[in-house]
Every structure is written in structure tokens, then in C-alpha cells.
Amino acid sequence: FSDRSTPVTLDSEGAGDLRAALADWTVDSVAEALGDRAMRAFDREQI
């Protein structure tokens, strides 16, 4: 991954595993976990 033209890669088996791991990580779950103050700060590019 020192080659900047290929920063990431994912095979079909890995994709299925990663997709399953991320299933509950959604826009709504992030907003619920972090709260309004943090989400409004994201809109201002503040982390």
C-alpha cells in the first residue's frame, strides 16, 4: 500500500465479513451515539 495508486483492496470474502461487522454502524446510530452537539460540529468540519 506504499503505491498510492492502490490505497485499498477488498476480496469478496473479506467484503462479506466487513459488511457484516459494519451492519449496525449507520448514519442514525452515529448520530444517536454522539449527540446533536457533535453532529452539528461535523457540519462545521470540527471533530
All heavy atoms as atom14 arrays in JSON, in Angstrom:
{
  "sequence": "FSDRSTPVTLDSEGAGDLRAALADWTVDSVAEALGDRAMRAFDREQI",
  "atom14_mask": [
    [1, 1, 1, 1, 1, 1, 1, 1, 1, 1, 1, 0, 0, 0],
    [1, 1, 1, 1, 1, 1, 0, 0, 0, 0, 0, 0, 0, 0],
    [1, 1, 1, 1, 1, 1, 1, 1, 0, 0, 0, 0, 0, 0],
    [1, 1, 1, 1, 1, 1, 1, 1, 1, 1, 1, 0, 0, 0],
    [1, 1, 1, 1, 1, 1, 0, 0, 0, 0, 0, 0, 0, 0],
    [1, 1, 1, 1, 1, 1, 1, 0, 0, 0, 0, 0, 0, 0],
    [1, 1, 1, 1, 1, 1, 1, 0, 0, 0, 0, 0, 0, 0],
    [1, 1, 1, 1, 1, 1, 1, 0, 0, 0, 0, 0, 0, 0],
    [1, 1, 1, 1, 1, 1, 1, 0, 0, 0, 0, 0, 0, 0],
    [1, 1, 1, 1, 1, 1, 1, 1, 0, 0, 0, 0, 0, 0],
    [1, 1, 1, 1, 1, 1, 1, 1, 0, 0, 0, 0, 0, 0],
    [1, 1, 1, 1, 1, 1, 0, 0, 0, 0, 0, 0, 0, 0],
    [1, 1, 1, 1, 1, 1, 1, 1, 1, 0, 0, 0, 0, 0],
    [1, 1, 1, 1, 0, 0, 0, 0, 0, 0, 0, 0, 0, 0],
    [1, 1, 1, 1, 1, 0, 0, 0, 0, 0, 0, 0, 0, 0],
    [1, 1, 1, 1, 0, 0, 0, 0, 0, 0, 0, 0, 0, 0],
    [1, 1, 1, 1, 1, 1, 1, 1, 0, 0, 0, 0, 0, 0],
    [1, 1, 1, 1, 1, 1, 1, 1, 0, 0, 0, 0, 0, 0],
    [1, 1, 1, 1, 1, 1, 1, 1, 1, 1, 1, 0, 0, 0],
    [1, 1, 1, 1, 1, 0, 0, 0, 0, 0, 0, 0, 0, 0],
    [1, 1, 1, 1, 1, 0, 0, 0, 0, 0, 0, 0, 0, 0],
    [1, 1, 1, 1, 1, 1, 1, 1, 0, 0, 0, 0, 0, 0],
    [1, 1, 1, 1, 1, 0, 0, 0, 0, 0, 0, 0, 0, 0],
    [1, 1, 1, 1, 1, 1, 1, 1, 0, 0, 0, 0, 0, 0],
    [1, 1, 1, 1, 1, 1, 1, 1, 1, 1, 1, 1, 1, 1],
    [1, 1, 1, 1, 1, 1, 1, 0, 0, 0, 0, 0, 0, 0],
    [1, 1, 1, 1, 1, 1, 1, 0, 0, 0, 0, 0, 0, 0],
    [1, 1, 1, 1, 1, 1, 1, 1, 0, 0, 0, 0, 0, 0],
    [1, 1, 1, 1, 1, 1, 0, 0, 0, 0, 0, 0, 0, 0],
    [1, 1, 1, 1, 1, 1, 1, 0, 0, 0, 0, 0, 0, 0],
    [1, 1, 1, 1, 1, 0, 0, 0, 0, 0, 0, 0, 0, 0],
    [1, 1, 1, 1, 1, 1, 1, 1, 1, 0, 0, 0, 0, 0],
    [1, 1, 1, 1, 1, 0, 0, 0, 0, 0, 0, 0, 0, 0],
    [1, 1, 1, 1, 1, 1, 1, 1, 0, 0, 0, 0, 0, 0],
    [1, 1, 1, 1, 0, 0, 0, 0, 0, 0, 0, 0, 0, 0],
    [1, 1, 1, 1, 1, 1, 1, 1, 0, 0, 0, 0, 0, 0],
    [1, 1, 1, 1, 1, 1, 1, 1, 1, 1, 1, 0, 0, 0],
    [1, 1, 1, 1, 1, 0, 0, 0, 0, 0, 0, 0, 0, 0],
    [1, 1, 1, 1, 1, 1, 1, 1, 0, 0, 0, 0, 0, 0],
    [1, 1, 1, 1, 1, 1, 1, 1, 1, 1, 1, 0, 0, 0],
    [1, 1, 1, 1, 1, 0, 0, 0, 0, 0, 0, 0, 0, 0],
    [1, 1, 1, 1, 1, 1, 1, 1, 1, 1, 1, 0, 0, 0],
    [1, 1, 1, 1, 1, 1, 1, 1, 0, 0, 0, 0, 0, 0],
    [1, 1, 1, 1, 1, 1, 1, 1, 1, 1, 1, 0, 0, 0],
    [1, 1, 1, 1, 1, 1, 1, 1, 1, 0, 0, 0, 0, 0],
    [1, 1, 1, 1, 1, 1, 1, 1, 1, 0, 0, 0, 0, 0],
    [1, 1, 1, 1, 1, 1, 1, 1, 0, 0, 0, 0, 0, 0]
  ],
  "atom14_positions": [
    [[0.82, -1.2, 0.0], [0.0, 0.0, 0.0], [0.86, 1.26, 0.0], [0.36, 2.35, 0.19], [-0.97, -0.02, 1.18], [-1.99, -1.12, 1.03], [-1.86, -2.3, 1.74], [-3.04, -0.98, 0.15], [-2.79, -3.31, 1.59], [-3.97, -2.0, -0.01], [-3.84, -3.17, 0.72], [0.0, 0.0, 0.0], [0.0, 0.0, 0.0], [0.0, 0.0, 0.0]],
    [[2.19, 1.08, -0.21], [3.04, 2.26, -0.43], [2.81, 2.83, -1.81], [3.17, 3.97, -2.09], [4.51, 1.88, -0.25], [4.88, 0.88, -1.19], [0.0, 0.0, 0.0], [0.0, 0.0, 0.0], [0.0, 0.0, 0.0], [0.0, 0.0, 0.0], [0.0, 0.0, 0.0], [0.0, 0.0, 0.0], [0.0, 0.0, 0.0], [0.0, 0.0, 0.0]],
    [[2.22, 2.03, -2.72], [1.85, 2.51, -4.04], [0.57, 3.32, -3.91], [-0.5, 2.78, -3.63], [1.64, 1.31, -4.97], [1.23, 1.72, -6.38], [1.11, 2.94, -6.63], [1.01, 0.83, -7.21], [0.0, 0.0, 0.0], [0.0, 0.0, 0.0], [0.0, 0.0, 0.0], [0.0, 0.0, 0.0], [0.0, 0.0, 0.0], [0.0, 0.0, 0.0]],
    [[0.64, 4.62, -4.14], [-0.52, 5.48, -3.89], [-1.66, 5.21, -4.87], [-2.78, 5.63, -4.63], [-0.1, 6.96, -3.95], [0.71, 7.39, -2.74], [0.86, 8.9, -2.7], [-0.4, 9.6, -2.66], [-1.12, 9.78, -1.55], [-0.7, 9.31, -0.38], [-2.27, 10.44, -1.6], [0.0, 0.0, 0.0], [0.0, 0.0, 0.0], [0.0, 0.0, 0.0]],
    [[-1.38, 4.54, -5.97], [-2.46, 4.28, -6.92], [-3.36, 3.15, -6.46], [-4.45, 2.97, -7.0], [-1.89, 3.95, -8.31], [-1.21, 2.71, -8.29], [0.0, 0.0, 0.0], [0.0, 0.0, 0.0], [0.0, 0.0, 0.0], [0.0, 0.0, 0.0], [0.0, 0.0, 0.0], [0.0, 0.0, 0.0], [0.0, 0.0, 0.0], [0.0, 0.0, 0.0]],
    [[-2.93, 2.36, -5.47], [-3.75, 1.27, -4.95], [-3.81, 1.35, -3.43], [-3.21, 0.52, -2.73], [-3.18, -0.1, -5.39], [-1.8, -0.17, -4.99], [-3.29, -0.28, -6.88], [0.0, 0.0, 0.0], [0.0, 0.0, 0.0], [0.0, 0.0, 0.0], [0.0, 0.0, 0.0], [0.0, 0.0, 0.0], [0.0, 0.0, 0.0], [0.0, 0.0, 0.0]],
    [[-4.55, 2.32, -2.9], [-4.56, 2.5, -1.44], [-5.32, 1.42, -0.69], [-5.01, 1.13, 0.47], [-5.25, 3.85, -1.27], [-6.11, 4.0, -2.49], [-5.35, 3.34, -3.59], [0.0, 0.0, 0.0], [0.0, 0.0, 0.0], [0.0, 0.0, 0.0], [0.0, 0.0, 0.0], [0.0, 0.0, 0.0], [0.0, 0.0, 0.0], [0.0, 0.0, 0.0]],
    [[-6.33, 0.83, -1.32], [-7.18, -0.15, -0.64], [-7.54, -1.27, -1.6], [-7.54, -1.08, -2.83], [-8.47, 0.49, -0.09], [-8.2, 1.35, 1.12], [-9.17, 1.32, -1.19], [0.0, 0.0, 0.0], [0.0, 0.0, 0.0], [0.0, 0.0, 0.0], [0.0, 0.0, 0.0], [0.0, 0.0, 0.0], [0.0, 0.0, 0.0], [0.0, 0.0, 0.0]],
    [[-7.87, -2.41, -1.05], [-8.35, -3.54, -1.84], [-9.24, -4.39, -0.97], [-9.14, -4.36, 0.26], [-7.17, -4.37, -2.4], [-7.66, -5.35, -3.29], [-6.41, -5.04, -1.27], [0.0, 0.0, 0.0], [0.0, 0.0, 0.0], [0.0, 0.0, 0.0], [0.0, 0.0, 0.0], [0.0, 0.0, 0.0], [0.0, 0.0, 0.0], [0.0, 0.0, 0.0]],
    [[-10.11, -5.17, -1.59], [-11.06, -5.98, -0.81], [-11.55, -7.13, -1.68], [-12.11, -6.9, -2.76], [-12.24, -5.11, -0.36], [-13.19, -5.68, 0.7], [-12.45, -5.92, 2.01], [-14.36, -4.73, 0.91], [0.0, 0.0, 0.0], [0.0, 0.0, 0.0], [0.0, 0.0, 0.0], [0.0, 0.0, 0.0], [0.0, 0.0, 0.0], [0.0, 0.0, 0.0]],
    [[-11.34, -8.37, -1.21], [-11.86, -9.51, -1.95], [-13.28, -9.82, -1.49], [-13.78, -9.23, -0.52], [-10.95, -10.73, -1.8], [-10.79, -11.21, -0.36], [-11.72, -10.99, 0.46], [-9.75, -11.8, -0.04], [0.0, 0.0, 0.0], [0.0, 0.0, 0.0], [0.0, 0.0, 0.0], [0.0, 0.0, 0.0], [0.0, 0.0, 0.0], [0.0, 0.0, 0.0]],
    [[-13.93, -10.75, -2.17], [-15.35, -10.99, -1.92], [-15.58, -11.55, -0.51], [-16.56, -11.18, 0.16], [-15.92, -11.94, -2.97], [-15.21, -13.17, -2.98], [0.0, 0.0, 0.0], [0.0, 0.0, 0.0], [0.0, 0.0, 0.0], [0.0, 0.0, 0.0], [0.0, 0.0, 0.0], [0.0, 0.0, 0.0], [0.0, 0.0, 0.0], [0.0, 0.0, 0.0]],
    [[-14.7, -12.43, -0.03], [-14.88, -12.99, 1.31], [-14.7, -11.9, 2.37], [-15.5, -11.78, 3.3], [-13.88, -14.12, 1.56], [-14.02, -14.76, 2.94], [-13.04, -15.87, 3.17], [-12.29, -16.21, 2.23], [-13.02, -16.43, 4.3], [0.0, 0.0, 0.0], [0.0, 0.0, 0.0], [0.0, 0.0, 0.0], [0.0, 0.0, 0.0], [0.0, 0.0, 0.0]],
    [[-13.65, -11.1, 2.2], [-13.42, -10.01, 3.14], [-14.55, -9.01, 3.12], [-14.94, -8.46, 4.16], [0.0, 0.0, 0.0], [0.0, 0.0, 0.0], [0.0, 0.0, 0.0], [0.0, 0.0, 0.0], [0.0, 0.0, 0.0], [0.0, 0.0, 0.0], [0.0, 0.0, 0.0], [0.0, 0.0, 0.0], [0.0, 0.0, 0.0], [0.0, 0.0, 0.0]],
    [[-15.09, -8.75, 1.93], [-16.19, -7.79, 1.82], [-17.4, -8.26, 2.61], [-18.05, -7.47, 3.3], [-16.56, -7.6, 0.35], [0.0, 0.0, 0.0], [0.0, 0.0, 0.0], [0.0, 0.0, 0.0], [0.0, 0.0, 0.0], [0.0, 0.0, 0.0], [0.0, 0.0, 0.0], [0.0, 0.0, 0.0], [0.0, 0.0, 0.0], [0.0, 0.0, 0.0]],
    [[-17.7, -9.54, 2.54], [-18.83, -10.06, 3.3], [-18.62, -9.95, 4.8], [-19.54, -9.57, 5.54], [0.0, 0.0, 0.0], [0.0, 0.0, 0.0], [0.0, 0.0, 0.0], [0.0, 0.0, 0.0], [0.0, 0.0, 0.0], [0.0, 0.0, 0.0], [0.0, 0.0, 0.0], [0.0, 0.0, 0.0], [0.0, 0.0, 0.0], [0.0, 0.0, 0.0]],
    [[-17.4, -10.26, 5.25], [-17.1, -10.16, 6.68], [-17.17, -8.71, 7.15], [-17.71, -8.43, 8.24], [-15.71, -10.73, 6.97], [-15.65, -12.24, 6.83], [-16.72, -12.88, 6.85], [-14.53, -12.77, 6.69], [0.0, 0.0, 0.0], [0.0, 0.0, 0.0], [0.0, 0.0, 0.0], [0.0, 0.0, 0.0], [0.0, 0.0, 0.0], [0.0, 0.0, 0.0]],
    [[-16.61, -7.8, 6.36], [-16.6, -6.39, 6.77], [-18.01, -5.82, 6.75], [-18.41, -5.07, 7.66], [-15.68, -5.59, 5.86], [-15.53, -4.09, 6.17], [-15.08, -3.87, 7.61], [-14.56, -3.43, 5.2], [0.0, 0.0, 0.0], [0.0, 0.0, 0.0], [0.0, 0.0, 0.0], [0.0, 0.0, 0.0], [0.0, 0.0, 0.0], [0.0, 0.0, 0.0]],
    [[-18.77, -6.18, 5.74], [-20.16, -5.7, 5.65], [-20.96, -6.15, 6.86], [-21.75, -5.38, 7.42], [-20.77, -6.2, 4.34], [-22.07, -5.56, 3.95], [-22.35, -5.75, 2.46], [-22.27, -7.12, 2.04], [-21.37, -7.61, 1.18], [-20.44, -6.81, 0.68], [-21.37, -8.88, 0.83], [0.0, 0.0, 0.0], [0.0, 0.0, 0.0], [0.0, 0.0, 0.0]],
    [[-20.77, -7.39, 7.28], [-21.49, -7.9, 8.45], [-21.06, -7.15, 9.71], [-21.9, -6.83, 10.57], [-21.23, -9.4, 8.6], [0.0, 0.0, 0.0], [0.0, 0.0, 0.0], [0.0, 0.0, 0.0], [0.0, 0.0, 0.0], [0.0, 0.0, 0.0], [0.0, 0.0, 0.0], [0.0, 0.0, 0.0], [0.0, 0.0, 0.0], [0.0, 0.0, 0.0]],
    [[-19.77, -6.83, 9.82], [-19.28, -6.13, 11.01], [-19.82, -4.71, 11.09], [-20.03, -4.18, 12.19], [-17.75, -6.11, 11.0], [0.0, 0.0, 0.0], [0.0, 0.0, 0.0], [0.0, 0.0, 0.0], [0.0, 0.0, 0.0], [0.0, 0.0, 0.0], [0.0, 0.0, 0.0], [0.0, 0.0, 0.0], [0.0, 0.0, 0.0], [0.0, 0.0, 0.0]],
    [[-20.04, -4.1, 9.95], [-20.47, -2.7, 9.92], [-21.99, -2.54, 9.93], [-22.48, -1.4, 9.92], [-19.91, -2.01, 8.67], [-18.39, -1.98, 8.5], [-18.02, -1.25, 7.2], [-17.71, -1.34, 9.68], [0.0, 0.0, 0.0], [0.0, 0.0, 0.0], [0.0, 0.0, 0.0], [0.0, 0.0, 0.0], [0.0, 0.0, 0.0], [0.0, 0.0, 0.0]],
    [[-22.73, -3.62, 9.95], [-24.19, -3.57, 9.72], [-24.91, -2.6, 10.65], [-25.86, -1.93, 10.24], [-24.78, -4.97, 9.86], [0.0, 0.0, 0.0], [0.0, 0.0, 0.0], [0.0, 0.0, 0.0], [0.0, 0.0, 0.0], [0.0, 0.0, 0.0], [0.0, 0.0, 0.0], [0.0, 0.0, 0.0], [0.0, 0.0, 0.0], [0.0, 0.0, 0.0]],
    [[-24.48, -2.51, 11.9], [-25.17, -1.63, 12.86], [-24.55, -0.23, 12.92], [-25.01, 0.6, 13.72], [-25.15, -2.26, 14.25], [-25.97, -3.53, 14.32], [-26.98, -3.63, 13.59], [-25.6, -4.44, 15.09], [0.0, 0.0, 0.0], [0.0, 0.0, 0.0], [0.0, 0.0, 0.0], [0.0, 0.0, 0.0], [0.0, 0.0, 0.0], [0.0, 0.0, 0.0]],
    [[-23.53, 0.01, 12.14], [-22.86, 1.32, 12.1], [-23.48, 2.13, 10.98], [-23.08, 2.05, 9.83], [-21.37, 1.12, 11.89], [-20.53, 2.37, 12.06], [-20.66, 3.33, 13.0], [-19.43, 2.75, 11.22], [-19.7, 4.3, 12.83], [-18.92, 3.96, 11.75], [-18.82, 2.19, 10.11], [-17.83, 4.62, 11.17], [-17.73, 2.84, 9.54], [-17.24, 4.05, 10.07]],
    [[-24.49, 2.89, 11.28], [-25.26, 3.64, 10.3], [-25.23, 5.13, 10.63], [-24.77, 5.54, 11.7], [-26.72, 3.16, 10.28], [-27.32, 3.48, 11.56], [-26.81, 1.66, 10.03], [0.0, 0.0, 0.0], [0.0, 0.0, 0.0], [0.0, 0.0, 0.0], [0.0, 0.0, 0.0], [0.0, 0.0, 0.0], [0.0, 0.0, 0.0], [0.0, 0.0, 0.0]],
    [[-25.74, 5.93, 9.71], [-25.85, 7.36, 9.96], [-26.64, 7.62, 11.24], [-26.27, 8.45, 12.08], [-26.5, 8.07, 8.76], [-26.77, 9.54, 9.07], [-25.61, 7.96, 7.53], [0.0, 0.0, 0.0], [0.0, 0.0, 0.0], [0.0, 0.0, 0.0], [0.0, 0.0, 0.0], [0.0, 0.0, 0.0], [0.0, 0.0, 0.0], [0.0, 0.0, 0.0]],
    [[-27.74, 6.9, 11.39], [-28.59, 7.12, 12.57], [-27.91, 6.66, 13.86], [-28.04, 7.33, 14.9], [-29.92, 6.37, 12.4], [-30.82, 7.01, 11.35], [-30.58, 8.18, 11.0], [-31.73, 6.33, 10.86], [0.0, 0.0, 0.0], [0.0, 0.0, 0.0], [0.0, 0.0, 0.0], [0.0, 0.0, 0.0], [0.0, 0.0, 0.0], [0.0, 0.0, 0.0]],
    [[-27.2, 5.53, 13.82], [-26.57, 5.05, 15.04], [-25.42, 5.96, 15.48], [-25.19, 6.16, 16.67], [-26.07, 3.61, 14.87], [-24.97, 3.54, 13.97], [0.0, 0.0, 0.0], [0.0, 0.0, 0.0], [0.0, 0.0, 0.0], [0.0, 0.0, 0.0], [0.0, 0.0, 0.0], [0.0, 0.0, 0.0], [0.0, 0.0, 0.0], [0.0, 0.0, 0.0]],
    [[-24.72, 6.55, 14.51], [-23.66, 7.5, 14.85], [-24.27, 8.75, 15.48], [-23.79, 9.26, 16.51], [-22.83, 7.87, 13.61], [-21.87, 9.03, 13.92], [-22.04, 6.66, 13.12], [0.0, 0.0, 0.0], [0.0, 0.0, 0.0], [0.0, 0.0, 0.0], [0.0, 0.0, 0.0], [0.0, 0.0, 0.0], [0.0, 0.0, 0.0], [0.0, 0.0, 0.0]],
    [[-25.33, 9.26, 14.87], [-25.98, 10.47, 15.41], [-26.53, 10.21, 16.81], [-26.41, 11.07, 17.7], [-27.1, 10.92, 14.47], [0.0, 0.0, 0.0], [0.0, 0.0, 0.0], [0.0, 0.0, 0.0], [0.0, 0.0, 0.0], [0.0, 0.0, 0.0], [0.0, 0.0, 0.0], [0.0, 0.0, 0.0], [0.0, 0.0, 0.0], [0.0, 0.0, 0.0]],
    [[-27.11, 9.04, 17.02], [-27.66, 8.72, 18.34], [-26.55, 8.6, 19.39], [-26.7, 9.05, 20.54], [-28.46, 7.42, 18.27], [-29.11, 7.02, 19.58], [-29.92, 5.75, 19.48], [-30.06, 5.21, 18.35], [-30.41, 5.27, 20.52], [0.0, 0.0, 0.0], [0.0, 0.0, 0.0], [0.0, 0.0, 0.0], [0.0, 0.0, 0.0], [0.0, 0.0, 0.0]],
    [[-25.43, 8.0, 18.99], [-24.34, 7.8, 19.93], [-23.63, 9.1, 20.3], [-23.29, 9.33, 21.46], [-23.33, 6.8, 19.35], [0.0, 0.0, 0.0], [0.0, 0.0, 0.0], [0.0, 0.0, 0.0], [0.0, 0.0, 0.0], [0.0, 0.0, 0.0], [0.0, 0.0, 0.0], [0.0, 0.0, 0.0], [0.0, 0.0, 0.0], [0.0, 0.0, 0.0]],
    [[-23.4, 9.96, 19.32], [-22.59, 11.16, 19.56], [-23.41, 12.36, 20.01], [-22.87, 13.25, 20.68], [-21.81, 11.52, 18.29], [-20.83, 10.47, 17.77], [-19.97, 11.06, 16.67], [-19.97, 9.91, 18.88], [0.0, 0.0, 0.0], [0.0, 0.0, 0.0], [0.0, 0.0, 0.0], [0.0, 0.0, 0.0], [0.0, 0.0, 0.0], [0.0, 0.0, 0.0]],
    [[-24.66, 12.45, 19.62], [-25.5, 13.56, 20.04], [-25.46, 14.75, 19.1], [-24.62, 14.85, 18.21], [0.0, 0.0, 0.0], [0.0, 0.0, 0.0], [0.0, 0.0, 0.0], [0.0, 0.0, 0.0], [0.0, 0.0, 0.0], [0.0, 0.0, 0.0], [0.0, 0.0, 0.0], [0.0, 0.0, 0.0], [0.0, 0.0, 0.0], [0.0, 0.0, 0.0]],
    [[-26.39, 15.67, 19.33], [-26.57, 16.81, 18.43], [-25.35, 17.72, 18.37], [-25.0, 18.23, 17.31], [-27.8, 17.62, 18.85], [-29.11, 16.89, 18.59], [-29.09, 15.94, 17.78], [-30.12, 17.27, 19.18], [0.0, 0.0, 0.0], [0.0, 0.0, 0.0], [0.0, 0.0, 0.0], [0.0, 0.0, 0.0], [0.0, 0.0, 0.0], [0.0, 0.0, 0.0]],
    [[-24.72, 17.96, 19.52], [-23.59, 18.89, 19.52], [-22.47, 18.4, 18.61], [-21.93, 19.17, 17.8], [-23.05, 19.08, 20.94], [-21.92, 20.1, 21.02], [-21.43, 20.32, 22.43], [-20.62, 19.2, 22.91], [-19.92, 19.22, 24.04], [-19.96, 20.3, 24.82], [-19.21, 18.17, 24.41], [0.0, 0.0, 0.0], [0.0, 0.0, 0.0], [0.0, 0.0, 0.0]],
    [[-22.15, 17.14, 18.7], [-21.08, 16.59, 17.87], [-21.47, 16.59, 16.4], [-20.64, 16.88, 15.52], [-20.75, 15.17, 18.32], [0.0, 0.0, 0.0], [0.0, 0.0, 0.0], [0.0, 0.0, 0.0], [0.0, 0.0, 0.0], [0.0, 0.0, 0.0], [0.0, 0.0, 0.0], [0.0, 0.0, 0.0], [0.0, 0.0, 0.0], [0.0, 0.0, 0.0]],
    [[-22.73, 16.25, 16.09], [-23.15, 16.2, 14.69], [-23.16, 17.58, 14.06], [-22.8, 17.76, 12.89], [-24.53, 15.55, 14.59], [-24.58, 14.11, 15.12], [-23.3, 13.01, 14.46], [-23.81, 12.92, 12.73], [0.0, 0.0, 0.0], [0.0, 0.0, 0.0], [0.0, 0.0, 0.0], [0.0, 0.0, 0.0], [0.0, 0.0, 0.0], [0.0, 0.0, 0.0]],
    [[-23.58, 18.59, 14.82], [-23.53, 19.95, 14.3], [-22.08, 20.39, 14.07], [-21.78, 21.09, 13.11], [-24.25, 20.92, 15.24], [-25.76, 20.76, 15.27], [-26.42, 21.98, 15.93], [-25.96, 22.16, 17.31], [-26.55, 21.63, 18.37], [-27.61, 20.84, 18.22], [-26.09, 21.85, 19.59], [0.0, 0.0, 0.0], [0.0, 0.0, 0.0], [0.0, 0.0, 0.0]],
    [[-21.18, 19.96, 14.95], [-19.77, 20.29, 14.77], [-19.2, 19.63, 13.52], [-18.36, 20.23, 12.82], [-18.97, 19.86, 16.01], [0.0, 0.0, 0.0], [0.0, 0.0, 0.0], [0.0, 0.0, 0.0], [0.0, 0.0, 0.0], [0.0, 0.0, 0.0], [0.0, 0.0, 0.0], [0.0, 0.0, 0.0], [0.0, 0.0, 0.0], [0.0, 0.0, 0.0]],
    [[-19.64, 18.4, 13.21], [-19.21, 17.76, 11.97], [-19.54, 18.63, 10.76], [-18.75, 18.73, 9.81], [-19.9, 16.4, 11.8], [-19.28, 15.28, 12.58], [-20.03, 14.18, 12.96], [-17.95, 15.33, 12.96], [-19.47, 13.15, 13.69], [-17.37, 14.3, 13.69], [-18.13, 13.2, 14.06], [0.0, 0.0, 0.0], [0.0, 0.0, 0.0], [0.0, 0.0, 0.0]],
    [[-20.7, 19.25, 10.77], [-21.1, 20.1, 9.66], [-20.17, 21.29, 9.5], [-20.07, 21.88, 8.42], [-22.54, 20.61, 9.87], [-23.57, 19.5, 9.76], [-23.25, 18.46, 9.13], [-24.68, 19.66, 10.3], [0.0, 0.0, 0.0], [0.0, 0.0, 0.0], [0.0, 0.0, 0.0], [0.0, 0.0, 0.0], [0.0, 0.0, 0.0], [0.0, 0.0, 0.0]],
    [[-19.48, 21.67, 10.59], [-18.51, 22.77, 10.55], [-17.08, 22.24, 10.4], [-16.12, 22.99, 10.55], [-18.61, 23.62, 11.82], [-19.99, 24.2, 12.09], [-19.95, 25.2, 13.24], [-19.46, 24.63, 14.5], [-20.24, 24.01, 15.4], [-21.56, 23.88, 15.16], [-19.73, 23.53, 16.53], [0.0, 0.0, 0.0], [0.0, 0.0, 0.0], [0.0, 0.0, 0.0]],
    [[-16.96, 20.93, 10.12], [-15.66, 20.27, 9.97], [-14.83, 20.35, 11.24], [-13.61, 20.5, 11.21], [-14.9, 20.83, 8.77], [-15.61, 20.62, 7.45], [-14.79, 21.04, 6.26], [-13.69, 21.59, 6.46], [-15.23, 20.82, 5.12], [0.0, 0.0, 0.0], [0.0, 0.0, 0.0], [0.0, 0.0, 0.0], [0.0, 0.0, 0.0], [0.0, 0.0, 0.0]],
    [[-15.5, 20.25, 12.38], [-14.84, 20.22, 13.68], [-15.09, 18.86, 14.32], [-16.23, 18.38, 14.38], [-15.39, 21.33, 14.59], [-15.15, 22.73, 14.06], [-13.68, 23.07, 13.95], [-12.88, 22.71, 14.82], [-13.31, 23.79, 12.89], [0.0, 0.0, 0.0], [0.0, 0.0, 0.0], [0.0, 0.0, 0.0], [0.0, 0.0, 0.0], [0.0, 0.0, 0.0]],
    [[-14.02, 18.21, 14.8], [-14.15, 16.83, 15.28], [-14.01, 16.69, 16.79], [-14.29, 15.61, 17.34], [-13.12, 15.91, 14.59], [-11.68, 16.32, 14.97], [-13.32, 15.92, 13.07], [-10.63, 15.34, 14.48], [0.0, 0.0, 0.0], [0.0, 0.0, 0.0], [0.0, 0.0, 0.0], [0.0, 0.0, 0.0], [0.0, 0.0, 0.0], [0.0, 0.0, 0.0]]
  ]
}
